[in-house]
Amino acid sequence: MNAPYETVTPAPADPSALPFRVRMRDGVRLATDVYLPDGSAADKPGPTVLVRLPYDKSGTYAALPLIARYMTRRGYRVAVQDVRGKFRSEGETLLFVNEVHDGYDTLEWITHQPWSDGIVGMWGDSYYGYTQWAAVASGHRALRAIAPRVTGTELGQVVDNLDGTRDVEMGVHLGYMATHYVGPDTYEWEPDPTRRPLIAPFEEFFQALGRRSPSFDVVFPQEVPLRRWPEGHPFDHRAIPVLHTVGWYDNCAPWHWRDIEELARRPDWANQQYLLIDAIDHENYHFAGAPYDDESRDHALSEDAFRALLPGYLDPALGFFDIFLRRKGSPTDLPRVRWHLVHGEESGFRTDTVWPPADSKVMTLHLAPDTGTADGDTPGRLSVTPPASQSTASWTHNPADPVPSAAPNAFAYLQTNPRLHDWSKRGDVLVFDAEPTTAPLDLAGPVSLRLALTTTGPSTDLFAKLLEVHSDGEAELVAHGRAHIDNSARSLTLSLGHAGYRLRTGHRLRLHLHSSDFPEFVLHPGTDENPWLATCGERTTQRIRLGGIDGARLTLTVVPAEH
């Protein structure tokens, strides 16, 4: 039995906020706190920043009272709202489906308040980045700019790729619905990943709780497509300025990059996009401070640490809002792209007019066999020249002994910033090494892997991780990607996302290929069973081609050292 849990109820209301119950079109009232500037600024109408989230507007996790007061000191009115069915808000607790109409009705309410001048921007991370796009999809004219962070319009979806592959489902996918979307409260509970079938702990949890999650039951065991956008997709609505904050180490970044790439193809949206790409993970841990082994520096544990985080967390968005909500300055004053180069000499952001940078170039490394190794555990090479002959390389996937996920919490990857050399020693991880660099190599843009793969199973999962190997043999993450391949043979181009990373002199690139990353991703059973329902599994062998016209090759985007 694996059902012990803790209940998270609403935190005490913040005394500095004005509480409201905002009525939606169907009569449901949503709990909303309004924060006004001090002094004379509060005596006249002004622009409002709206935040709509499911994580308790008064709680310490999202820390919205601290964030709101920081924003009011910059002259903004701030409205913070529990979404429908969560914490103090009324209504059904359903993931995604009510945010468009509730966003419109909340914006409409704001425009009729005496402290509002009718101009609204929205800000927030993850799900409260998604609610910004839902408000865009509502078409309300008061919404003038948004600042979504570490999110995406497809947030939570297992997306299909153009080449016929599919994303691999996150292990947290069902767990999020089971713990956050049962009712108004949230539940702290972790399923036991050693149990089989994987779904068994969830049923025990619901039994112990005495209720089920409607959102969970909508997607499992048979997914029913949700009507996220009843008024049409947000990208088909009026284009407004958007400041995207993307994290190099954010496990949700693939969704955000898909949005950015799609918006770049739409002329009306493309000229209103601004990118801020930082060395952060989903929980806003920064590479510069990793690992966070001192509680006094961990913003999840220390209010002082969170307060110290606020300028870097909020100032870019507030500067963006100053231009587009308050008309302080010109859009031309704002860099189109700001990006952090991991291990770069500068501490701040580089700026560019486009992403990837205009002077970037493509670099190709071919996967090649090698009988000699650099450190005793590398069977292959990453070479600037293709292999002279054709061959194959293979690895085995054993569901009974999966490749373990590196971080205890994928959302907070940089909290521990794990070193990955030990993964190279596993027999079920295929490893390819490049030569050590003789000068720094700066990666700045997309990373992809082109290969032809076969499997002895009916389908398989492919995980690829690009690492930097230090001179002492330790290794750290640069970029990663994954795909579910639904047949026994497939040629594909696997995206490893984007990188902004300096490979330092004397270090080398390493590529890992494997077929599991558990429990961060749902474990493939090696059969055609539903992975959540499988009670046992079968070994499979995956094989890729080296050399020849369809030989595996890694494509990097690099910029010159003088960039």
Protein backbone atom coordinates (compact mmCIF):
# COMPACT_ATOMS: atom_id res chain seq x y z
CA MET A 1 0.00 0.00 0.00
CA ASN A 2 1.44 3.37 -1.01
CA ALA A 3 -1.11 6.04 -0.24
CA PRO A 4 0.14 8.31 2.60
CA TYR A 5 -0.35 11.93 1.61
CA GLU A 6 -0.52 15.45 3.02
CA THR A 7 -3.23 17.97 2.23
CA VAL A 8 -2.29 21.52 1.23
CA THR A 9 -5.11 23.93 2.08
CA PRO A 10 -5.27 27.68 1.40
CA ALA A 11 -2.66 29.73 3.24
CA PRO A 12 -3.85 32.67 5.36
CA ALA A 13 -4.98 35.60 3.23
CA ASP A 14 -2.43 38.35 2.78
CA PRO A 15 -3.55 41.35 4.89
CA SER A 16 -2.16 43.88 2.40
CA ALA A 17 -4.44 42.60 -0.39
CA LEU A 18 -7.99 43.68 -1.19
CA PRO A 19 -10.09 40.48 -1.46
CA PHE A 20 -12.77 40.09 -4.14
CA ARG A 21 -15.04 37.33 -5.43
CA VAL A 22 -15.17 37.91 -9.17
CA ARG A 23 -18.30 36.56 -10.82
CA MET A 24 -17.91 34.63 -14.08
CA ARG A 25 -20.57 34.43 -16.81
CA ASP A 26 -22.05 31.24 -15.28
CA GLY A 27 -22.26 32.70 -11.77
CA VAL A 28 -19.16 30.96 -10.38
CA ARG A 29 -17.05 33.31 -8.26
CA LEU A 30 -13.25 33.28 -8.41
CA ALA A 31 -11.20 34.41 -5.41
CA THR A 32 -9.09 37.38 -6.44
CA ASP A 33 -6.65 39.53 -4.45
CA VAL A 34 -5.83 43.04 -5.62
CA TYR A 35 -2.67 44.88 -4.61
CA LEU A 36 -2.46 48.64 -5.15
CA PRO A 37 0.58 50.95 -5.09
CA ASP A 38 1.22 52.98 -1.97
CA GLY A 39 0.87 56.76 -1.89
CA SER A 40 -0.46 59.02 -4.59
CA ALA A 41 -0.13 56.40 -7.33
CA ALA A 42 -3.09 54.55 -5.82
CA ASP A 43 -5.37 57.59 -6.21
CA LYS A 44 -5.65 57.38 -9.98
CA PRO A 45 -6.23 54.57 -12.46
CA GLY A 46 -3.25 52.74 -13.92
CA PRO A 47 -2.21 49.55 -15.72
CA THR A 48 -2.77 46.17 -14.07
CA VAL A 49 -0.74 42.97 -14.06
CA LEU A 50 -2.99 39.91 -13.85
CA VAL A 51 -1.82 36.50 -12.58
CA ARG A 52 -4.15 33.47 -12.71
CA LEU A 53 -2.81 30.27 -11.11
CA PRO A 54 -3.85 26.94 -9.51
CA TYR A 55 -1.17 26.96 -6.77
CA ASP A 56 -2.80 29.18 -4.10
CA LYS A 57 -2.58 32.93 -4.57
CA SER A 58 -1.71 33.32 -0.88
CA GLY A 59 0.72 30.40 -0.52
CA THR A 60 4.48 30.29 -0.08
CA TYR A 61 5.15 28.05 -3.11
CA ALA A 62 4.31 30.69 -5.73
CA ALA A 63 4.90 33.53 -3.22
CA LEU A 64 2.52 35.86 -5.04
CA PRO A 65 2.15 38.28 -2.10
CA LEU A 66 5.89 39.02 -2.27
CA ILE A 67 5.79 39.23 -6.06
CA ALA A 68 2.72 41.48 -6.09
CA ARG A 69 4.20 43.93 -3.60
CA TYR A 70 7.41 44.09 -5.65
CA MET A 71 5.33 44.98 -8.71
CA THR A 72 3.26 47.60 -6.90
CA ARG A 73 6.47 49.37 -5.92
CA ARG A 74 6.98 49.85 -9.66
CA GLY A 75 3.56 51.51 -9.90
CA TYR A 76 1.46 48.57 -11.10
CA ARG A 77 -1.87 47.38 -9.81
CA VAL A 78 -1.72 43.60 -9.42
CA ALA A 79 -4.64 41.15 -9.50
CA VAL A 80 -3.89 37.59 -8.39
CA GLN A 81 -6.55 34.93 -8.84
CA ASP A 82 -7.07 31.28 -7.89
CA VAL A 83 -8.32 29.60 -11.07
CA ARG A 84 -11.73 27.92 -11.08
CA GLY A 85 -12.03 25.04 -8.65
CA LYS A 86 -8.75 25.70 -6.84
CA PHE A 87 -8.21 26.82 -3.25
CA ARG A 88 -10.64 29.70 -2.49
CA SER A 89 -12.33 29.78 -5.91
CA GLU A 90 -15.66 28.14 -6.64
CA GLY A 91 -16.51 25.80 -9.50
CA GLU A 92 -15.42 22.49 -10.95
CA THR A 93 -11.76 21.52 -10.74
CA LEU A 94 -10.78 20.78 -14.34
CA LEU A 95 -7.41 21.20 -15.99
CA PHE A 96 -7.12 23.68 -18.90
CA VAL A 97 -10.71 23.79 -20.19
CA ASN A 98 -12.15 26.84 -18.35
CA GLU A 99 -9.24 29.25 -18.66
CA VAL A 100 -10.27 31.04 -21.88
CA HIS A 101 -13.71 32.22 -20.76
CA ASP A 102 -12.61 32.80 -17.16
CA GLY A 103 -9.67 34.84 -18.45
CA TYR A 104 -11.99 37.02 -20.53
CA ASP A 105 -14.44 37.58 -17.67
CA THR A 106 -11.64 38.50 -15.27
CA LEU A 107 -10.16 40.98 -17.74
CA GLU A 108 -13.61 42.49 -18.23
CA TRP A 109 -14.03 42.85 -14.46
CA ILE A 110 -10.66 44.59 -14.14
CA THR A 111 -11.56 47.18 -16.77
CA HIS A 112 -14.57 48.28 -14.69
CA GLN A 113 -12.61 48.86 -11.46
CA PRO A 114 -11.81 52.41 -10.34
CA TRP A 115 -8.08 51.64 -10.04
CA SER A 116 -7.86 50.34 -13.64
CA ASP A 117 -7.14 52.42 -16.73
CA GLY A 118 -8.33 49.56 -18.94
CA ILE A 119 -4.82 48.35 -19.81
CA VAL A 120 -3.76 44.89 -18.60
CA GLY A 121 -0.67 42.72 -18.92
CA MET A 122 -0.22 39.17 -17.65
CA TRP A 123 2.77 37.45 -16.07
CA GLY A 124 3.63 34.03 -14.69
CA ASP A 125 5.32 30.64 -14.88
CA SER A 126 4.18 27.25 -16.14
CA TYR A 127 0.39 26.89 -15.70
CA TYR A 128 0.11 30.61 -15.01
CA GLY A 129 1.96 31.10 -18.26
CA TYR A 130 -0.63 28.91 -19.95
CA THR A 131 -3.47 31.05 -18.52
CA GLN A 132 -1.91 34.04 -20.28
CA TRP A 133 -2.26 32.32 -23.64
CA ALA A 134 -5.82 31.36 -22.70
CA ALA A 135 -6.57 35.05 -22.13
CA VAL A 136 -5.07 35.86 -25.53
CA ALA A 137 -7.39 33.22 -27.00
CA SER A 138 -10.35 34.98 -25.38
CA GLY A 139 -9.80 37.98 -27.64
CA HIS A 140 -10.27 40.60 -24.89
CA ARG A 141 -8.99 43.97 -26.08
CA ALA A 142 -7.73 45.08 -22.66
CA LEU A 143 -4.87 42.56 -22.78
CA ARG A 144 -1.94 44.46 -24.28
CA ALA A 145 1.13 42.30 -23.48
CA ILE A 146 2.04 39.01 -21.80
CA ALA A 147 5.20 37.63 -20.20
CA PRO A 148 4.92 33.81 -20.12
CA ARG A 149 7.77 31.96 -18.42
CA VAL A 150 8.75 28.26 -18.75
CA THR A 151 5.45 27.25 -20.31
CA GLY A 152 3.70 26.63 -23.64
CA THR A 153 0.31 26.46 -25.29
CA GLU A 154 0.70 22.66 -25.46
CA LEU A 155 1.69 22.41 -21.79
CA GLY A 156 0.99 18.91 -20.49
CA GLN A 157 0.32 17.40 -23.92
CA VAL A 158 2.17 14.41 -25.37
CA VAL A 159 2.72 16.02 -28.76
CA ASP A 160 3.08 14.42 -32.18
CA ASN A 161 6.11 15.35 -34.27
CA LEU A 162 6.08 16.03 -38.01
CA ASP A 163 8.29 13.00 -38.74
CA GLY A 164 5.74 10.55 -37.33
CA THR A 165 7.35 10.16 -33.92
CA ARG A 166 5.74 11.23 -30.68
CA ASP A 167 7.00 12.75 -27.46
CA VAL A 168 7.63 10.43 -24.52
CA GLU A 169 5.14 10.91 -21.71
CA MET A 170 6.49 12.51 -18.55
CA GLY A 171 6.17 10.35 -15.46
CA VAL A 172 4.63 13.30 -13.62
CA HIS A 173 1.86 13.64 -16.22
CA LEU A 174 -0.77 11.59 -14.40
CA GLY A 175 0.65 12.47 -11.00
CA TYR A 176 0.05 16.17 -11.55
CA MET A 177 -3.62 15.61 -12.31
CA ALA A 178 -4.00 13.16 -9.44
CA THR A 179 -2.60 15.57 -6.85
CA HIS A 180 -3.45 19.06 -8.15
CA TYR A 181 -6.79 18.54 -9.91
CA VAL A 182 -8.88 16.44 -7.53
CA GLY A 183 -10.57 19.36 -5.79
CA PRO A 184 -9.82 22.78 -4.31
CA ASP A 185 -6.93 21.52 -2.17
CA THR A 186 -3.65 20.07 -3.41
CA TYR A 187 -2.16 16.82 -2.15
CA GLU A 188 1.51 16.07 -1.58
CA TRP A 189 1.98 12.46 -2.61
CA GLU A 190 4.52 10.50 -4.63
CA PRO A 191 3.74 7.18 -6.35
CA ASP A 192 6.16 4.32 -5.75
CA PRO A 193 8.00 3.88 -9.10
CA THR A 194 8.96 0.29 -8.24
CA ARG A 195 5.33 -0.87 -8.26
CA ARG A 196 3.88 -2.74 -11.22
CA PRO A 197 1.70 -1.89 -12.91
CA LEU A 198 2.70 1.75 -12.62
CA ILE A 199 -0.96 2.74 -12.32
CA ALA A 200 -1.57 0.68 -9.15
CA PRO A 201 -0.40 3.31 -6.62
CA PHE A 202 -2.74 5.89 -8.19
CA GLU A 203 -5.79 3.72 -7.63
CA GLU A 204 -4.75 3.16 -4.02
CA PHE A 205 -4.26 6.92 -3.59
CA PHE A 206 -7.74 7.71 -4.90
CA GLN A 207 -9.19 5.01 -2.65
CA ALA A 208 -7.44 6.48 0.39
CA LEU A 209 -8.54 9.98 -0.60
CA GLY A 210 -12.14 8.94 -1.13
CA ARG A 211 -12.45 10.79 -4.44
CA ARG A 212 -10.98 10.83 -7.92
CA SER A 213 -9.57 13.44 -10.25
CA PRO A 214 -11.92 14.14 -13.19
CA SER A 215 -8.95 15.42 -15.20
CA PHE A 216 -7.09 12.15 -14.55
CA ASP A 217 -10.06 10.10 -15.71
CA VAL A 218 -10.34 12.17 -18.89
CA VAL A 219 -6.85 11.12 -20.03
CA PHE A 220 -6.53 7.59 -18.58
CA PRO A 221 -6.92 4.85 -19.62
CA GLN A 222 -8.23 6.32 -22.89
CA GLU A 223 -7.48 9.99 -23.54
CA VAL A 224 -10.39 12.22 -24.50
CA PRO A 225 -9.14 15.34 -26.34
CA LEU A 226 -9.76 18.49 -24.30
CA ARG A 227 -11.30 21.58 -25.84
CA ARG A 228 -8.62 23.97 -24.64
CA TRP A 229 -9.44 26.77 -27.09
CA PRO A 230 -13.23 27.22 -27.48
CA GLU A 231 -12.69 30.56 -29.24
CA GLY A 232 -9.84 29.38 -31.47
CA HIS A 233 -6.11 28.92 -30.93
CA PRO A 234 -4.38 31.96 -29.36
CA PHE A 235 -2.02 32.30 -32.33
CA ASP A 236 -5.05 32.88 -34.56
CA HIS A 237 -6.08 35.90 -32.49
CA ARG A 238 -4.83 39.48 -32.43
CA ALA A 239 -1.05 39.56 -32.02
CA ILE A 240 0.30 41.35 -28.96
CA PRO A 241 3.84 41.79 -27.58
CA VAL A 242 5.18 38.70 -25.83
CA LEU A 243 8.25 38.36 -23.61
CA HIS A 244 9.16 34.66 -23.52
CA THR A 245 11.40 33.49 -20.70
CA VAL A 246 12.87 30.09 -21.53
CA GLY A 247 15.24 28.02 -19.38
CA TRP A 248 18.16 26.03 -20.75
CA TYR A 249 17.48 23.47 -18.01
CA ASP A 250 13.68 23.65 -17.95
CA ASN A 251 12.09 20.23 -18.43
CA CYS A 252 9.08 21.97 -20.00
CA ALA A 253 11.19 23.91 -22.52
CA PRO A 254 10.21 21.74 -25.54
CA TRP A 255 6.66 23.11 -25.34
CA HIS A 256 7.95 26.68 -25.11
CA TRP A 257 10.32 26.27 -28.05
CA ARG A 258 7.51 24.83 -30.19
CA ASP A 259 5.53 28.03 -29.54
CA ILE A 260 8.49 30.28 -30.32
CA GLU A 261 9.22 28.46 -33.57
CA GLU A 262 5.58 28.55 -34.67
CA LEU A 263 5.20 32.25 -33.83
CA ALA A 264 8.32 33.02 -35.86
CA ARG A 265 6.50 31.62 -38.90
CA ARG A 266 3.57 34.03 -38.46
CA PRO A 267 4.44 37.57 -39.64
CA ASP A 268 1.89 39.35 -37.43
CA TRP A 269 3.29 37.63 -34.32
CA ALA A 270 6.95 37.39 -35.32
CA ASN A 271 7.64 41.11 -35.06
CA GLN A 272 6.21 41.24 -31.52
CA GLN A 273 8.24 38.41 -29.97
CA TYR A 274 10.99 39.03 -27.42
CA LEU A 275 13.15 36.21 -26.05
CA LEU A 276 14.93 35.97 -22.74
CA ILE A 277 16.79 32.66 -22.57
CA ASP A 278 18.33 32.05 -19.17
CA ALA A 279 20.34 29.30 -17.49
CA ILE A 280 17.42 28.28 -15.25
CA ASP A 281 15.27 25.25 -14.65
CA HIS A 282 11.50 25.13 -14.17
CA GLU A 283 11.72 26.10 -10.50
CA ASN A 284 14.02 29.07 -11.22
CA TYR A 285 17.24 27.62 -9.87
CA HIS A 286 20.10 29.22 -11.79
CA PHE A 287 23.19 27.51 -13.13
CA ALA A 288 25.38 30.19 -11.55
CA GLY A 289 24.34 29.07 -8.05
CA ALA A 290 24.09 25.32 -8.61
CA PRO A 291 24.04 23.06 -6.74
CA TYR A 292 21.91 24.56 -3.96
CA ASP A 293 23.20 22.50 -1.06
CA ASP A 294 22.94 25.39 1.43
CA GLU A 295 19.34 25.98 2.59
CA SER A 296 20.03 29.68 3.11
CA ARG A 297 20.55 30.04 -0.68
CA ASP A 298 17.57 27.89 -1.68
CA HIS A 299 14.61 30.13 -2.53
CA ALA A 300 12.19 27.24 -1.98
CA LEU A 301 13.33 27.05 1.65
CA SER A 302 14.39 30.59 2.54
CA GLU A 303 12.28 33.75 2.19
CA ASP A 304 15.46 35.82 2.21
CA ALA A 305 16.76 33.80 -0.73
CA PHE A 306 13.45 34.30 -2.54
CA ARG A 307 13.58 38.05 -1.97
CA ALA A 308 17.10 38.07 -3.39
CA LEU A 309 15.75 36.26 -6.45
CA LEU A 310 13.06 38.85 -7.19
CA PRO A 311 15.03 41.44 -9.22
CA GLY A 312 16.28 38.87 -11.72
CA TYR A 313 12.91 37.14 -11.71
CA LEU A 314 10.71 40.19 -12.23
CA ASP A 315 12.69 43.15 -13.57
CA PRO A 316 12.82 41.93 -17.21
CA ALA A 317 9.03 41.60 -17.30
CA LEU A 318 8.48 44.93 -15.54
CA GLY A 319 10.79 46.68 -17.99
CA PHE A 320 8.82 45.05 -20.81
CA PHE A 321 5.53 46.19 -19.27
CA ASP A 322 6.88 49.72 -18.78
CA ILE A 323 7.21 49.96 -22.56
CA PHE A 324 4.03 48.20 -23.67
CA LEU A 325 1.61 49.06 -20.85
CA ARG A 326 2.86 52.47 -19.71
CA ARG A 327 4.53 53.75 -22.89
CA LYS A 328 7.73 54.52 -21.01
CA GLY A 329 10.37 54.17 -23.69
CA SER A 330 10.25 52.68 -27.16
CA PRO A 331 10.03 49.04 -28.27
CA THR A 332 13.30 49.66 -30.10
CA ASP A 333 14.95 50.09 -26.68
CA LEU A 334 14.26 46.43 -25.89
CA PRO A 335 16.62 43.75 -27.26
CA ARG A 336 14.81 41.17 -29.35
CA VAL A 337 16.91 38.39 -27.86
CA ARG A 338 18.76 38.19 -24.56
CA TRP A 339 20.52 34.93 -23.78
CA HIS A 340 22.84 33.52 -21.18
CA LEU A 341 25.90 31.59 -22.30
CA VAL A 342 26.58 28.83 -19.77
CA HIS A 343 30.26 29.00 -18.74
CA GLY A 344 30.59 32.28 -20.62
CA GLU A 345 32.91 34.85 -19.13
CA GLU A 346 30.21 37.49 -18.76
CA SER A 347 27.74 37.22 -15.87
CA GLY A 348 24.74 38.77 -17.64
CA PHE A 349 22.98 38.37 -20.96
CA ARG A 350 24.22 38.56 -24.49
CA THR A 351 21.93 40.40 -26.91
CA ASP A 352 21.01 39.64 -30.51
CA THR A 353 18.39 40.69 -33.03
CA VAL A 354 17.41 37.12 -33.96
CA TRP A 355 17.68 33.58 -32.60
CA PRO A 356 19.82 31.75 -33.38
CA PRO A 357 22.30 34.64 -33.77
CA ALA A 358 22.78 35.95 -37.29
CA ASP A 359 26.45 34.91 -37.38
CA SER A 360 25.76 31.35 -36.23
CA LYS A 361 26.79 28.39 -38.35
CA VAL A 362 25.95 24.70 -38.48
CA MET A 363 28.54 22.16 -37.33
CA THR A 364 28.06 18.45 -38.03
CA LEU A 365 29.61 15.60 -36.06
CA HIS A 366 29.24 12.06 -37.39
CA LEU A 367 28.70 9.10 -35.10
CA ALA A 368 31.48 6.61 -35.83
CA PRO A 369 32.77 3.34 -34.35
CA ASP A 370 35.96 3.29 -32.34
CA THR A 371 37.83 0.36 -30.84
CA GLY A 372 40.09 2.58 -28.76
CA THR A 373 38.54 4.77 -26.08
CA ALA A 374 39.39 7.94 -24.23
CA ASP A 375 38.53 6.76 -20.74
CA GLY A 376 37.72 3.07 -20.86
CA ASP A 377 33.97 3.26 -21.34
CA THR A 378 33.38 4.88 -24.72
CA PRO A 379 32.54 2.66 -27.70
CA GLY A 380 32.18 5.38 -30.33
CA ARG A 381 33.43 8.68 -31.68
CA LEU A 382 31.90 12.00 -32.69
CA SER A 383 33.90 12.92 -35.76
CA VAL A 384 33.93 15.89 -38.14
CA THR A 385 34.47 13.39 -40.96
CA PRO A 386 32.04 10.56 -41.74
CA PRO A 387 33.12 6.94 -41.22
CA ALA A 388 34.89 5.40 -44.20
CA SER A 389 32.62 2.36 -44.13
CA GLN A 390 29.15 1.45 -42.95
CA SER A 391 28.47 -0.33 -39.67
CA THR A 392 25.96 -0.38 -36.83
CA ALA A 393 25.92 0.20 -33.09
CA SER A 394 23.36 -1.18 -30.65
CA TRP A 395 22.15 -1.09 -27.09
CA THR A 396 19.69 -3.11 -25.04
CA HIS A 397 16.65 -1.85 -23.16
CA ASN A 398 15.71 -3.88 -20.09
CA PRO A 399 12.49 -2.68 -18.41
CA ALA A 400 13.51 -4.54 -15.25
CA ASP A 401 16.67 -2.41 -14.97
CA PRO A 402 15.94 0.96 -16.61
CA VAL A 403 18.38 3.82 -17.01
CA PRO A 404 17.73 5.94 -13.90
CA SER A 405 16.86 9.61 -14.14
CA ALA A 406 19.70 11.83 -13.00
CA ALA A 407 17.84 14.42 -10.91
CA PRO A 408 15.52 13.59 -8.00
CA ASN A 409 13.23 16.38 -9.23
CA ALA A 410 13.34 17.14 -12.96
CA PHE A 411 11.57 20.47 -12.41
CA ALA A 412 14.41 21.53 -10.09
CA TYR A 413 17.30 20.06 -12.09
CA LEU A 414 19.82 22.69 -11.01
CA GLN A 415 19.00 22.28 -7.34
CA THR A 416 21.37 19.30 -7.51
CA ASN A 417 22.91 19.79 -11.01
CA PRO A 418 23.91 16.12 -11.22
CA ARG A 419 27.14 14.88 -12.77
CA LEU A 420 26.57 12.23 -15.41
CA HIS A 421 29.82 10.30 -15.92
CA ASP A 422 28.51 7.17 -14.19
CA TRP A 423 25.76 6.83 -16.80
CA SER A 424 28.51 6.28 -19.41
CA LYS A 425 29.47 3.05 -17.64
CA ARG A 426 26.08 1.41 -18.10
CA GLY A 427 25.81 -1.31 -20.71
CA ASP A 428 22.43 0.00 -21.85
CA VAL A 429 23.77 3.47 -22.70
CA LEU A 430 25.51 3.95 -26.03
CA VAL A 431 28.29 6.54 -25.80
CA PHE A 432 30.07 8.61 -28.44
CA ASP A 433 32.94 11.02 -27.66
CA ALA A 434 34.41 13.93 -29.60
CA GLU A 435 38.04 14.96 -29.38
CA PRO A 436 38.96 17.47 -26.65
CA THR A 437 38.72 21.05 -27.88
CA THR A 438 41.81 23.16 -28.47
CA ALA A 439 39.83 26.41 -28.06
CA PRO A 440 36.44 27.33 -26.56
CA LEU A 441 33.44 26.29 -28.66
CA ASP A 442 30.23 28.29 -28.18
CA LEU A 443 26.92 26.57 -28.91
CA ALA A 444 24.04 28.96 -29.62
CA GLY A 445 20.93 27.51 -31.20
CA PRO A 446 19.25 24.24 -32.15
CA VAL A 447 20.83 20.83 -31.60
CA SER A 448 19.54 17.80 -33.49
CA LEU A 449 20.40 14.18 -34.20
CA ARG A 450 19.66 12.53 -37.54
CA LEU A 451 19.62 8.73 -37.52
CA ALA A 452 18.06 5.53 -38.82
CA LEU A 453 16.97 3.23 -36.00
CA THR A 454 15.59 -0.27 -35.75
CA THR A 455 14.29 -2.13 -32.71
CA THR A 456 13.44 -5.74 -32.00
CA GLY A 457 10.31 -4.57 -30.21
CA PRO A 458 7.06 -3.28 -31.70
CA SER A 459 8.13 0.25 -30.75
CA THR A 460 10.74 1.95 -28.61
CA ASP A 461 11.73 5.18 -26.89
CA LEU A 462 14.89 7.06 -27.76
CA PHE A 463 16.66 9.42 -25.36
CA ALA A 464 19.68 11.47 -26.41
CA LYS A 465 21.77 13.56 -24.04
CA LEU A 466 24.61 15.83 -25.11
CA LEU A 467 27.20 16.30 -22.36
CA GLU A 468 30.37 18.26 -21.70
CA VAL A 469 33.11 15.99 -20.35
CA HIS A 470 35.60 17.76 -18.10
CA SER A 471 39.32 17.10 -18.11
CA ASP A 472 38.86 15.06 -14.89
CA GLY A 473 36.27 12.82 -16.57
CA GLU A 474 33.17 14.28 -14.96
CA ALA A 475 30.28 15.20 -17.25
CA GLU A 476 27.42 17.69 -17.18
CA LEU A 477 24.31 18.23 -19.28
CA VAL A 478 24.34 20.49 -22.35
CA ALA A 479 21.13 19.49 -24.18
CA HIS A 480 18.72 16.58 -24.41
CA GLY A 481 15.82 15.21 -26.43
CA ARG A 482 13.56 12.19 -26.68
CA ALA A 483 11.00 10.54 -28.95
CA HIS A 484 8.64 7.58 -28.95
CA ILE A 485 9.09 5.60 -32.16
CA ASP A 486 5.96 3.63 -32.92
CA ASN A 487 7.33 1.00 -35.30
CA SER A 488 10.33 -1.28 -35.64
CA ALA A 489 12.24 0.88 -38.13
CA ARG A 490 12.33 4.63 -38.51
CA SER A 491 14.53 7.36 -39.94
CA LEU A 492 14.12 10.50 -37.88
CA THR A 493 15.57 13.82 -36.85
CA LEU A 494 15.49 14.06 -33.08
CA SER A 495 15.46 17.55 -31.59
CA LEU A 496 17.68 18.04 -28.56
CA GLY A 497 16.21 21.50 -28.07
CA HIS A 498 18.44 24.55 -28.04
CA ALA A 499 21.74 25.21 -26.30
CA GLY A 500 23.61 28.28 -25.14
CA TYR A 501 26.78 26.70 -23.83
CA ARG A 502 30.55 27.22 -23.94
CA LEU A 503 32.56 24.03 -24.29
CA ARG A 504 35.78 24.97 -22.55
CA THR A 505 39.30 24.33 -23.82
CA GLY A 506 40.43 20.76 -23.21
CA HIS A 507 36.88 19.51 -22.66
CA ARG A 508 34.94 17.36 -25.11
CA LEU A 509 31.39 16.64 -26.18
CA ARG A 510 29.80 13.30 -25.38
CA LEU A 511 26.53 11.84 -26.66
CA HIS A 512 24.46 9.31 -24.71
CA LEU A 513 21.78 7.21 -26.43
CA HIS A 514 19.41 4.96 -24.46
CA SER A 515 15.78 3.83 -24.28
CA SER A 516 14.71 4.74 -20.75
CA ASP A 517 14.99 7.65 -18.34
CA PHE A 518 12.95 6.50 -15.39
CA PRO A 519 11.03 7.69 -13.42
CA GLU A 520 11.20 11.11 -15.12
CA PHE A 521 9.58 9.49 -18.17
CA VAL A 522 7.09 6.65 -18.33
CA LEU A 523 8.89 3.32 -18.74
CA HIS A 524 8.50 1.54 -22.08
CA PRO A 525 7.66 -2.14 -21.35
CA GLY A 526 9.31 -3.42 -24.52
CA THR A 527 5.89 -4.64 -25.68
CA ASP A 528 2.82 -3.01 -27.20
CA GLU A 529 1.05 -2.84 -23.83
CA ASN A 530 -0.06 0.44 -22.26
CA PRO A 531 3.07 1.27 -20.19
CA TRP A 532 0.92 2.28 -17.21
CA LEU A 533 -0.76 -1.14 -17.19
CA ALA A 534 2.18 -3.44 -17.96
CA THR A 535 3.10 -5.83 -15.15
CA CYS A 536 6.33 -7.08 -16.70
CA GLY A 537 8.43 -6.26 -19.71
CA GLU A 538 10.62 -7.67 -22.43
CA ARG A 539 14.16 -6.79 -23.41
CA THR A 540 14.62 -5.10 -26.76
CA THR A 541 17.68 -4.25 -28.81
CA GLN A 542 17.97 -0.92 -30.62
CA ARG A 543 20.39 -0.47 -33.50
CA ILE A 544 21.53 2.62 -35.42
CA ARG A 545 23.50 2.93 -38.64
CA LEU A 546 26.95 4.49 -38.72
CA GLY A 547 28.33 5.79 -42.00
CA GLY A 548 26.73 5.92 -45.39
CA ILE A 549 23.92 8.12 -46.64
CA ASP A 550 21.75 7.50 -43.56
CA GLY A 551 24.56 7.30 -41.03
CA ALA A 552 23.85 8.97 -37.69
CA ARG A 553 25.01 12.55 -37.33
CA LEU A 554 24.74 15.29 -34.73
CA THR A 555 24.07 18.86 -35.85
CA LEU A 556 25.09 21.78 -33.64
CA THR A 557 24.61 25.52 -33.99
CA VAL A 558 27.76 27.46 -33.10
CA VAL A 559 28.84 31.09 -33.01
CA PRO A 560 32.37 32.45 -33.42
CA ALA A 561 34.37 33.21 -30.30
CA GLU A 562 34.28 36.94 -31.10
CA HIS A 563 30.45 37.01 -31.14
